[in-house]
Amino acid sequence: VFPETPENEGYRLFVTWQNEILTPEDHRRNRFIESPIAHPSVMFRR
């Protein structure tokens, strides 16, 4: 997350949570907590 400011501390915590979710099983288990992936980071099959 950039830039780093005191105002986006909560957002950085959210991204830290996302960054810990890596495997398909992790994504499946955590999907109802919050969006487990950053939209502009994805690549998917057409």
All heavy atoms as atom14 arrays in JSON, in Angstrom:
{
  "sequence": "VFPETPENEGYRLFVTWQNEILTPEDHRRNRFIESPIAHPSVMFRR",
  "atom14_mask": [
    [1, 1, 1, 1, 1, 1, 1, 0, 0, 0, 0, 0, 0, 0],
    [1, 1, 1, 1, 1, 1, 1, 1, 1, 1, 1, 0, 0, 0],
    [1, 1, 1, 1, 1, 1, 1, 0, 0, 0, 0, 0, 0, 0],
    [1, 1, 1, 1, 1, 1, 1, 1, 1, 0, 0, 0, 0, 0],
    [1, 1, 1, 1, 1, 1, 1, 0, 0, 0, 0, 0, 0, 0],
    [1, 1, 1, 1, 1, 1, 1, 0, 0, 0, 0, 0, 0, 0],
    [1, 1, 1, 1, 1, 1, 1, 1, 1, 0, 0, 0, 0, 0],
    [1, 1, 1, 1, 1, 1, 1, 1, 0, 0, 0, 0, 0, 0],
    [1, 1, 1, 1, 1, 1, 1, 1, 1, 0, 0, 0, 0, 0],
    [1, 1, 1, 1, 0, 0, 0, 0, 0, 0, 0, 0, 0, 0],
    [1, 1, 1, 1, 1, 1, 1, 1, 1, 1, 1, 1, 0, 0],
    [1, 1, 1, 1, 1, 1, 1, 1, 1, 1, 1, 0, 0, 0],
    [1, 1, 1, 1, 1, 1, 1, 1, 0, 0, 0, 0, 0, 0],
    [1, 1, 1, 1, 1, 1, 1, 1, 1, 1, 1, 0, 0, 0],
    [1, 1, 1, 1, 1, 1, 1, 0, 0, 0, 0, 0, 0, 0],
    [1, 1, 1, 1, 1, 1, 1, 0, 0, 0, 0, 0, 0, 0],
    [1, 1, 1, 1, 1, 1, 1, 1, 1, 1, 1, 1, 1, 1],
    [1, 1, 1, 1, 1, 1, 1, 1, 1, 0, 0, 0, 0, 0],
    [1, 1, 1, 1, 1, 1, 1, 1, 0, 0, 0, 0, 0, 0],
    [1, 1, 1, 1, 1, 1, 1, 1, 1, 0, 0, 0, 0, 0],
    [1, 1, 1, 1, 1, 1, 1, 1, 0, 0, 0, 0, 0, 0],
    [1, 1, 1, 1, 1, 1, 1, 1, 0, 0, 0, 0, 0, 0],
    [1, 1, 1, 1, 1, 1, 1, 0, 0, 0, 0, 0, 0, 0],
    [1, 1, 1, 1, 1, 1, 1, 0, 0, 0, 0, 0, 0, 0],
    [1, 1, 1, 1, 1, 1, 1, 1, 1, 0, 0, 0, 0, 0],
    [1, 1, 1, 1, 1, 1, 1, 1, 0, 0, 0, 0, 0, 0],
    [1, 1, 1, 1, 1, 1, 1, 1, 1, 1, 0, 0, 0, 0],
    [1, 1, 1, 1, 1, 1, 1, 1, 1, 1, 1, 0, 0, 0],
    [1, 1, 1, 1, 1, 1, 1, 1, 1, 1, 1, 0, 0, 0],
    [1, 1, 1, 1, 1, 1, 1, 1, 0, 0, 0, 0, 0, 0],
    [1, 1, 1, 1, 1, 1, 1, 1, 1, 1, 1, 0, 0, 0],
    [1, 1, 1, 1, 1, 1, 1, 1, 1, 1, 1, 0, 0, 0],
    [1, 1, 1, 1, 1, 1, 1, 1, 0, 0, 0, 0, 0, 0],
    [1, 1, 1, 1, 1, 1, 1, 1, 1, 0, 0, 0, 0, 0],
    [1, 1, 1, 1, 1, 1, 0, 0, 0, 0, 0, 0, 0, 0],
    [1, 1, 1, 1, 1, 1, 1, 0, 0, 0, 0, 0, 0, 0],
    [1, 1, 1, 1, 1, 1, 1, 1, 0, 0, 0, 0, 0, 0],
    [1, 1, 1, 1, 1, 0, 0, 0, 0, 0, 0, 0, 0, 0],
    [1, 1, 1, 1, 1, 1, 1, 1, 1, 1, 0, 0, 0, 0],
    [1, 1, 1, 1, 1, 1, 1, 0, 0, 0, 0, 0, 0, 0],
    [1, 1, 1, 1, 1, 1, 0, 0, 0, 0, 0, 0, 0, 0],
    [1, 1, 1, 1, 1, 1, 1, 0, 0, 0, 0, 0, 0, 0],
    [1, 1, 1, 1, 1, 1, 1, 1, 0, 0, 0, 0, 0, 0],
    [1, 1, 1, 1, 1, 1, 1, 1, 1, 1, 1, 0, 0, 0],
    [1, 1, 1, 1, 1, 1, 1, 1, 1, 1, 1, 0, 0, 0],
    [1, 1, 1, 1, 1, 1, 1, 1, 1, 1, 1, 0, 0, 0]
  ],
  "atom14_positions": [
    [[0.86, -1.19, 0.0], [0.0, 0.0, 0.0], [0.89, 1.24, 0.0], [1.89, 1.3, 0.72], [-0.92, 0.02, 1.23], [-1.73, 1.32, 1.29], [-1.86, -1.18, 1.21], [0.0, 0.0, 0.0], [0.0, 0.0, 0.0], [0.0, 0.0, 0.0], [0.0, 0.0, 0.0], [0.0, 0.0, 0.0], [0.0, 0.0, 0.0], [0.0, 0.0, 0.0]],
    [[0.55, 2.2, -0.84], [1.29, 3.46, -0.82], [0.3, 4.6, -1.1], [-0.77, 4.36, -1.65], [2.41, 3.43, -1.88], [1.93, 3.62, -3.3], [2.17, 4.83, -3.97], [1.23, 2.63, -3.98], [1.74, 5.04, -5.27], [0.8, 2.83, -5.29], [1.05, 4.04, -5.93], [0.0, 0.0, 0.0], [0.0, 0.0, 0.0], [0.0, 0.0, 0.0]],
    [[0.6, 5.84, -0.73], [1.69, 6.2, 0.19], [1.33, 5.81, 1.61], [0.15, 5.61, 1.94], [1.76, 7.72, 0.03], [0.35, 8.12, -0.3], [-0.2, 6.99, -1.14], [0.0, 0.0, 0.0], [0.0, 0.0, 0.0], [0.0, 0.0, 0.0], [0.0, 0.0, 0.0], [0.0, 0.0, 0.0], [0.0, 0.0, 0.0], [0.0, 0.0, 0.0]],
    [[2.32, 5.73, 2.48], [2.06, 5.38, 3.87], [1.72, 6.64, 4.65], [2.52, 7.56, 4.75], [3.28, 4.69, 4.49], [3.5, 3.28, 3.96], [4.42, 2.48, 4.85], [4.63, 2.91, 6.01], [4.92, 1.45, 4.41], [0.0, 0.0, 0.0], [0.0, 0.0, 0.0], [0.0, 0.0, 0.0], [0.0, 0.0, 0.0], [0.0, 0.0, 0.0]],
    [[0.5, 6.67, 5.18], [0.06, 7.8, 5.99], [-0.68, 7.25, 7.2], [-1.16, 6.11, 7.19], [-0.9, 8.71, 5.19], [-2.11, 7.99, 4.92], [-0.27, 9.16, 3.88], [0.0, 0.0, 0.0], [0.0, 0.0, 0.0], [0.0, 0.0, 0.0], [0.0, 0.0, 0.0], [0.0, 0.0, 0.0], [0.0, 0.0, 0.0], [0.0, 0.0, 0.0]],
    [[-0.8, 8.05, 8.27], [-1.56, 7.58, 9.44], [-3.01, 7.25, 9.1], [-3.63, 6.39, 9.73], [-1.46, 8.76, 10.41], [-0.24, 9.51, 10.0], [-0.16, 9.36, 8.51], [0.0, 0.0, 0.0], [0.0, 0.0, 0.0], [0.0, 0.0, 0.0], [0.0, 0.0, 0.0], [0.0, 0.0, 0.0], [0.0, 0.0, 0.0], [0.0, 0.0, 0.0]],
    [[-3.56, 7.91, 8.07], [-4.97, 7.72, 7.73], [-5.25, 6.35, 7.13], [-6.39, 5.87, 7.17], [-5.42, 8.81, 6.76], [-5.55, 10.2, 7.36], [-4.2, 10.84, 7.62], [-3.21, 10.44, 6.96], [-4.12, 11.73, 8.49], [0.0, 0.0, 0.0], [0.0, 0.0, 0.0], [0.0, 0.0, 0.0], [0.0, 0.0, 0.0], [0.0, 0.0, 0.0]],
    [[-4.25, 5.7, 6.53], [-4.55, 4.41, 5.9], [-4.01, 3.22, 6.68], [-3.8, 2.14, 6.13], [-4.05, 4.37, 4.45], [-2.53, 4.48, 4.33], [-1.8, 4.27, 5.28], [-2.07, 4.81, 3.13], [0.0, 0.0, 0.0], [0.0, 0.0, 0.0], [0.0, 0.0, 0.0], [0.0, 0.0, 0.0], [0.0, 0.0, 0.0], [0.0, 0.0, 0.0]],
    [[-3.82, 3.4, 7.99], [-3.36, 2.29, 8.82], [-4.33, 1.11, 8.76], [-3.92, -0.05, 8.64], [-3.18, 2.76, 10.27], [-2.85, 1.65, 11.25], [-1.53, 0.97, 10.96], [-0.67, 1.58, 10.28], [-1.35, -0.18, 11.41], [0.0, 0.0, 0.0], [0.0, 0.0, 0.0], [0.0, 0.0, 0.0], [0.0, 0.0, 0.0], [0.0, 0.0, 0.0]],
    [[-5.64, 1.4, 8.84], [-6.62, 0.32, 8.75], [-6.57, -0.4, 7.41], [-6.72, -1.62, 7.34], [0.0, 0.0, 0.0], [0.0, 0.0, 0.0], [0.0, 0.0, 0.0], [0.0, 0.0, 0.0], [0.0, 0.0, 0.0], [0.0, 0.0, 0.0], [0.0, 0.0, 0.0], [0.0, 0.0, 0.0], [0.0, 0.0, 0.0], [0.0, 0.0, 0.0]],
    [[-6.35, 0.37, 6.36], [-6.27, -0.24, 5.03], [-5.05, -1.14, 4.92], [-5.1, -2.23, 4.33], [-6.22, 0.86, 3.97], [-6.59, 0.4, 2.59], [-7.9, 0.09, 2.27], [-5.61, 0.25, 1.61], [-8.24, -0.35, 1.01], [-5.95, -0.19, 0.34], [-7.26, -0.48, 0.05], [-7.58, -0.91, -1.2], [0.0, 0.0, 0.0], [0.0, 0.0, 0.0]],
    [[-3.93, -0.72, 5.51], [-2.72, -1.55, 5.48], [-2.93, -2.84, 6.26], [-2.44, -3.9, 5.86], [-1.52, -0.77, 6.02], [-1.04, 0.34, 5.09], [0.39, 0.76, 5.41], [0.56, 1.2, 6.77], [0.33, 2.45, 7.19], [-0.11, 3.36, 6.33], [0.52, 2.78, 8.45], [0.0, 0.0, 0.0], [0.0, 0.0, 0.0], [0.0, 0.0, 0.0]],
    [[-3.68, -2.77, 7.37], [-3.98, -3.99, 8.12], [-4.8, -4.95, 7.27], [-4.6, -6.17, 7.3], [-4.73, -3.64, 9.4], [-3.91, -2.98, 10.51], [-4.83, -2.51, 11.63], [-2.85, -3.93, 11.05], [0.0, 0.0, 0.0], [0.0, 0.0, 0.0], [0.0, 0.0, 0.0], [0.0, 0.0, 0.0], [0.0, 0.0, 0.0], [0.0, 0.0, 0.0]],
    [[-5.76, -4.4, 6.53], [-6.58, -5.23, 5.64], [-5.72, -5.9, 4.58], [-5.85, -7.1, 4.31], [-7.66, -4.36, 5.0], [-8.31, -4.98, 3.79], [-9.01, -6.17, 3.89], [-8.24, -4.36, 2.55], [-9.62, -6.74, 2.78], [-8.84, -4.92, 1.45], [-9.53, -6.11, 1.55], [0.0, 0.0, 0.0], [0.0, 0.0, 0.0], [0.0, 0.0, 0.0]],
    [[-4.8, -5.15, 3.96], [-3.94, -5.71, 2.92], [-2.99, -6.75, 3.52], [-2.71, -7.78, 2.89], [-3.18, -4.59, 2.2], [-2.16, -5.16, 1.23], [-4.16, -3.68, 1.45], [0.0, 0.0, 0.0], [0.0, 0.0, 0.0], [0.0, 0.0, 0.0], [0.0, 0.0, 0.0], [0.0, 0.0, 0.0], [0.0, 0.0, 0.0], [0.0, 0.0, 0.0]],
    [[-2.51, -6.51, 4.74], [-1.69, -7.52, 5.41], [-2.45, -8.82, 5.59], [-1.91, -9.92, 5.39], [-1.21, -6.99, 6.78], [-0.41, -5.83, 6.58], [-0.4, -8.04, 7.53], [0.0, 0.0, 0.0], [0.0, 0.0, 0.0], [0.0, 0.0, 0.0], [0.0, 0.0, 0.0], [0.0, 0.0, 0.0], [0.0, 0.0, 0.0], [0.0, 0.0, 0.0]],
    [[-3.73, -8.71, 5.96], [-4.59, -9.91, 6.07], [-4.71, -10.6, 4.72], [-4.54, -11.82, 4.62], [-5.97, -9.49, 6.59], [-6.98, -10.59, 6.58], [-7.11, -11.6, 7.49], [-8.01, -10.79, 5.61], [-8.16, -12.42, 7.13], [-8.73, -11.95, 5.98], [-8.39, -10.11, 4.45], [-9.8, -12.43, 5.24], [-9.46, -10.59, 3.71], [-10.15, -11.74, 4.11]],
    [[-4.97, -9.85, 3.66], [-5.05, -10.44, 2.33], [-3.77, -11.15, 1.95], [-3.79, -12.25, 1.38], [-5.33, -9.35, 1.28], [-6.76, -8.92, 1.13], [-6.94, -8.05, -0.11], [-6.01, -7.44, -0.62], [-8.16, -7.96, -0.59], [0.0, 0.0, 0.0], [0.0, 0.0, 0.0], [0.0, 0.0, 0.0], [0.0, 0.0, 0.0], [0.0, 0.0, 0.0]],
    [[-2.65, -10.53, 2.25], [-1.35, -11.07, 1.83], [-1.02, -12.4, 2.49], [-0.14, -13.14, 2.02], [-0.23, -10.06, 2.13], [-0.23, -8.89, 1.17], [-0.77, -8.96, 0.07], [0.39, -7.79, 1.59], [0.0, 0.0, 0.0], [0.0, 0.0, 0.0], [0.0, 0.0, 0.0], [0.0, 0.0, 0.0], [0.0, 0.0, 0.0], [0.0, 0.0, 0.0]],
    [[-1.7, -12.73, 3.58], [-1.47, -14.0, 4.26], [-2.28, -15.14, 3.65], [-2.07, -16.31, 4.0], [-1.81, -13.85, 5.75], [-0.9, -12.88, 6.5], [-1.39, -12.6, 7.9], [-2.51, -13.02, 8.24], [-0.66, -11.93, 8.65], [0.0, 0.0, 0.0], [0.0, 0.0, 0.0], [0.0, 0.0, 0.0], [0.0, 0.0, 0.0], [0.0, 0.0, 0.0]],
    [[-3.19, -14.82, 2.74], [-4.07, -15.82, 2.13], [-3.49, -16.19, 0.76], [-3.51, -15.39, -0.17], [-5.5, -15.26, 1.99], [-6.06, -14.91, 3.36], [-6.41, -16.25, 1.27], [-7.34, -14.11, 3.31], [0.0, 0.0, 0.0], [0.0, 0.0, 0.0], [0.0, 0.0, 0.0], [0.0, 0.0, 0.0], [0.0, 0.0, 0.0], [0.0, 0.0, 0.0]],
    [[-2.96, -17.4, 0.63], [-2.23, -17.76, -0.58], [-2.85, -18.93, -1.35], [-3.01, -18.86, -2.56], [-0.78, -18.1, -0.23], [0.06, -16.96, 0.37], [1.46, -17.47, 0.75], [0.17, -15.8, -0.6], [0.0, 0.0, 0.0], [0.0, 0.0, 0.0], [0.0, 0.0, 0.0], [0.0, 0.0, 0.0], [0.0, 0.0, 0.0], [0.0, 0.0, 0.0]],
    [[-3.22, -20.0, -0.67], [-3.65, -21.22, -1.35], [-5.14, -21.17, -1.71], [-5.9, -20.37, -1.14], [-3.4, -22.44, -0.46], [-4.3, -22.38, 0.67], [-1.97, -22.49, 0.03], [0.0, 0.0, 0.0], [0.0, 0.0, 0.0], [0.0, 0.0, 0.0], [0.0, 0.0, 0.0], [0.0, 0.0, 0.0], [0.0, 0.0, 0.0], [0.0, 0.0, 0.0]],
    [[-5.58, -22.04, -2.62], [-7.03, -22.12, -2.91], [-7.85, -22.41, -1.66], [-8.95, -21.87, -1.49], [-7.12, -23.25, -3.92], [-5.8, -23.26, -4.61], [-4.8, -22.89, -3.54], [0.0, 0.0, 0.0], [0.0, 0.0, 0.0], [0.0, 0.0, 0.0], [0.0, 0.0, 0.0], [0.0, 0.0, 0.0], [0.0, 0.0, 0.0], [0.0, 0.0, 0.0]],
    [[-7.32, -23.25, -0.76], [-8.04, -23.58, 0.47], [-8.14, -22.36, 1.38], [-9.19, -22.12, 2.0], [-7.34, -24.72, 1.19], [-7.39, -26.06, 0.45], [-6.51, -26.11, -0.79], [-5.49, -25.37, -0.84], [-6.85, -26.87, -1.74], [0.0, 0.0, 0.0], [0.0, 0.0, 0.0], [0.0, 0.0, 0.0], [0.0, 0.0, 0.0], [0.0, 0.0, 0.0]],
    [[-7.07, -21.57, 1.46], [-7.09, -20.34, 2.25], [-8.16, -19.38, 1.73], [-8.92, -18.78, 2.5], [-5.74, -19.64, 2.19], [-4.64, -20.35, 2.96], [-4.98, -21.18, 3.83], [-3.46, -20.09, 2.69], [0.0, 0.0, 0.0], [0.0, 0.0, 0.0], [0.0, 0.0, 0.0], [0.0, 0.0, 0.0], [0.0, 0.0, 0.0], [0.0, 0.0, 0.0]],
    [[-8.21, -19.21, 0.41], [-9.18, -18.29, -0.18], [-10.61, -18.77, 0.08], [-11.49, -17.97, 0.37], [-8.94, -18.15, -1.69], [-7.74, -17.32, -2.02], [-6.48, -17.85, -2.13], [-7.61, -15.98, -2.27], [-5.62, -16.88, -2.43], [-6.28, -15.74, -2.51], [0.0, 0.0, 0.0], [0.0, 0.0, 0.0], [0.0, 0.0, 0.0], [0.0, 0.0, 0.0]],
    [[-10.81, -20.08, -0.03], [-12.16, -20.62, 0.17], [-12.61, -20.42, 1.62], [-13.74, -19.99, 1.86], [-12.17, -22.11, -0.18], [-13.56, -22.73, -0.24], [-13.49, -24.22, -0.45], [-12.91, -24.9, 0.7], [-11.83, -25.66, 0.64], [-11.19, -25.84, -0.5], [-11.37, -26.26, 1.74], [0.0, 0.0, 0.0], [0.0, 0.0, 0.0], [0.0, 0.0, 0.0]],
    [[-11.73, -20.69, 2.59], [-12.11, -20.59, 4.0], [-12.36, -19.14, 4.43], [-13.18, -18.9, 5.31], [-11.01, -21.2, 4.89], [-10.97, -22.7, 4.91], [-10.09, -23.19, 6.04], [-8.7, -22.79, 5.85], [-7.78, -23.54, 5.25], [-8.11, -24.74, 4.79], [-6.54, -23.11, 5.11], [0.0, 0.0, 0.0], [0.0, 0.0, 0.0], [0.0, 0.0, 0.0]],
    [[-11.65, -18.21, 3.84], [-11.72, -16.81, 4.28], [-12.63, -15.93, 3.43], [-12.75, -14.74, 3.7], [-10.32, -16.21, 4.31], [-9.47, -16.76, 5.43], [-9.62, -16.37, 6.58], [-8.58, -17.69, 5.1], [0.0, 0.0, 0.0], [0.0, 0.0, 0.0], [0.0, 0.0, 0.0], [0.0, 0.0, 0.0], [0.0, 0.0, 0.0], [0.0, 0.0, 0.0]],
    [[-13.29, -16.48, 2.44], [-13.98, -15.64, 1.46], [-15.16, -14.87, 2.04], [-15.53, -13.81, 1.51], [-14.45, -16.47, 0.27], [-15.57, -17.47, 0.55], [-15.74, -18.38, -0.66], [-16.86, -19.3, -0.55], [-16.8, -20.47, 0.09], [-15.71, -20.82, 0.73], [-17.86, -21.27, 0.12], [0.0, 0.0, 0.0], [0.0, 0.0, 0.0], [0.0, 0.0, 0.0]],
    [[-15.78, -15.37, 3.13], [-16.92, -14.67, 3.7], [-16.52, -13.62, 4.74], [-17.37, -12.88, 5.23], [-17.91, -15.65, 4.31], [-18.6, -16.53, 3.3], [-18.48, -17.91, 3.36], [-19.34, -15.98, 2.27], [-19.1, -18.72, 2.43], [-19.96, -16.78, 1.32], [-19.84, -18.15, 1.4], [0.0, 0.0, 0.0], [0.0, 0.0, 0.0], [0.0, 0.0, 0.0]],
    [[-15.24, -13.57, 5.1], [-14.77, -12.54, 6.03], [-14.69, -11.2, 5.3], [-15.21, -10.19, 5.75], [-13.41, -12.92, 6.63], [-13.54, -14.19, 7.46], [-12.86, -11.77, 7.48], [-12.22, -14.73, 7.98], [0.0, 0.0, 0.0], [0.0, 0.0, 0.0], [0.0, 0.0, 0.0], [0.0, 0.0, 0.0], [0.0, 0.0, 0.0], [0.0, 0.0, 0.0]],
    [[-14.02, -11.2, 4.17], [-13.81, -10.01, 3.36], [-13.26, -10.5, 2.03], [-12.91, -11.66, 1.89], [-12.84, -9.07, 4.09], [-12.49, -7.78, 3.37], [-13.69, -6.94, 3.0], [-14.32, -7.3, 1.98], [-13.99, -5.95, 3.69], [0.0, 0.0, 0.0], [0.0, 0.0, 0.0], [0.0, 0.0, 0.0], [0.0, 0.0, 0.0], [0.0, 0.0, 0.0]],
    [[-13.17, -9.61, 1.04], [-12.59, -10.02, -0.23], [-11.14, -10.43, -0.01], [-10.32, -9.62, 0.45], [-12.66, -8.87, -1.24], [-12.09, -9.28, -2.47], [0.0, 0.0, 0.0], [0.0, 0.0, 0.0], [0.0, 0.0, 0.0], [0.0, 0.0, 0.0], [0.0, 0.0, 0.0], [0.0, 0.0, 0.0], [0.0, 0.0, 0.0], [0.0, 0.0, 0.0]],
    [[-10.78, -11.67, -0.33], [-9.43, -12.15, -0.02], [-8.38, -11.76, -1.05], [-7.2, -12.1, -0.88], [-9.61, -13.67, 0.03], [-10.72, -13.93, -0.94], [-11.65, -12.75, -0.85], [0.0, 0.0, 0.0], [0.0, 0.0, 0.0], [0.0, 0.0, 0.0], [0.0, 0.0, 0.0], [0.0, 0.0, 0.0], [0.0, 0.0, 0.0], [0.0, 0.0, 0.0]],
    [[-8.76, -11.08, -2.12], [-7.8, -10.7, -3.15], [-8.02, -9.25, -3.56], [-9.13, -8.72, -3.48], [-7.92, -11.6, -4.41], [-9.38, -11.7, -4.88], [-7.34, -12.97, -4.16], [-9.58, -12.54, -6.12], [0.0, 0.0, 0.0], [0.0, 0.0, 0.0], [0.0, 0.0, 0.0], [0.0, 0.0, 0.0], [0.0, 0.0, 0.0], [0.0, 0.0, 0.0]],
    [[-6.93, -8.61, -3.98], [-6.99, -7.24, -4.47], [-7.37, -7.27, -5.95], [-6.68, -7.88, -6.77], [-5.63, -6.56, -4.29], [0.0, 0.0, 0.0], [0.0, 0.0, 0.0], [0.0, 0.0, 0.0], [0.0, 0.0, 0.0], [0.0, 0.0, 0.0], [0.0, 0.0, 0.0], [0.0, 0.0, 0.0], [0.0, 0.0, 0.0], [0.0, 0.0, 0.0]],
    [[-8.46, -6.6, -6.27], [-8.98, -6.61, -7.64], [-7.91, -6.27, -8.69], [-7.76, -7.0, -9.68], [-10.16, -5.64, -7.72], [-10.98, -5.78, -8.96], [-12.02, -4.92, -9.26], [-10.93, -6.66, -10.0], [-12.56, -5.27, -10.42], [-11.92, -6.32, -10.88], [0.0, 0.0, 0.0], [0.0, 0.0, 0.0], [0.0, 0.0, 0.0], [0.0, 0.0, 0.0]],
    [[-7.14, -5.18, -8.53], [-6.18, -4.85, -9.58], [-4.95, -5.75, -9.62], [-4.05, -5.54, -10.44], [-5.78, -3.4, -9.25], [-6.03, -3.25, -7.8], [-7.21, -4.13, -7.5], [0.0, 0.0, 0.0], [0.0, 0.0, 0.0], [0.0, 0.0, 0.0], [0.0, 0.0, 0.0], [0.0, 0.0, 0.0], [0.0, 0.0, 0.0], [0.0, 0.0, 0.0]],
    [[-4.9, -6.77, -8.75], [-3.76, -7.7, -8.77], [-4.07, -8.99, -9.5], [-3.18, -9.85, -9.62], [-3.32, -8.02, -7.34], [-4.17, -9.0, -6.74], [0.0, 0.0, 0.0], [0.0, 0.0, 0.0], [0.0, 0.0, 0.0], [0.0, 0.0, 0.0], [0.0, 0.0, 0.0], [0.0, 0.0, 0.0], [0.0, 0.0, 0.0], [0.0, 0.0, 0.0]],
    [[-5.28, -9.19, -9.99], [-5.68, -10.51, -10.47], [-5.4, -10.69, -11.96], [-5.38, -9.73, -12.74], [-7.18, -10.8, -10.2], [-7.52, -10.61, -8.74], [-8.08, -9.95, -11.08], [0.0, 0.0, 0.0], [0.0, 0.0, 0.0], [0.0, 0.0, 0.0], [0.0, 0.0, 0.0], [0.0, 0.0, 0.0], [0.0, 0.0, 0.0], [0.0, 0.0, 0.0]],
    [[-5.18, -11.94, -12.33], [-5.19, -12.38, -13.72], [-6.03, -13.65, -13.78], [-5.88, -14.53, -12.93], [-3.78, -12.68, -14.24], [-3.74, -13.17, -15.69], [-2.07, -13.58, -16.27], [-1.34, -11.96, -16.4], [0.0, 0.0, 0.0], [0.0, 0.0, 0.0], [0.0, 0.0, 0.0], [0.0, 0.0, 0.0], [0.0, 0.0, 0.0], [0.0, 0.0, 0.0]],
    [[-6.95, -13.74, -14.73], [-7.81, -14.91, -14.8], [-7.99, -15.34, -16.25], [-7.72, -14.6, -17.19], [-9.17, -14.65, -14.14], [-9.92, -13.44, -14.64], [-10.73, -13.51, -15.77], [-9.84, -12.23, -13.97], [-11.43, -12.41, -16.22], [-10.54, -11.12, -14.41], [-11.33, -11.21, -15.53], [0.0, 0.0, 0.0], [0.0, 0.0, 0.0], [0.0, 0.0, 0.0]],
    [[-8.45, -16.57, -16.41], [-8.68, -17.11, -17.74], [-9.93, -16.48, -18.35], [-10.97, -16.38, -17.69], [-8.84, -18.64, -17.67], [-7.64, -19.35, -17.04], [-7.81, -20.87, -17.04], [-6.82, -21.49, -16.18], [-5.57, -21.8, -16.55], [-5.19, -21.54, -17.79], [-4.73, -22.34, -15.69], [0.0, 0.0, 0.0], [0.0, 0.0, 0.0], [0.0, 0.0, 0.0]],
    [[-9.83, -16.1, -19.59], [-10.95, -15.48, -20.3], [-12.18, -16.39, -20.3], [-13.32, -15.92, -20.28], [-10.52, -15.16, -21.74], [-11.62, -14.57, -22.63], [-11.98, -13.17, -22.16], [-12.95, -12.52, -23.02], [-14.24, -12.74, -23.0], [-14.75, -13.64, -22.16], [-15.06, -12.07, -23.78], [0.0, 0.0, 0.0], [0.0, 0.0, 0.0], [0.0, 0.0, 0.0]]
  ]
}
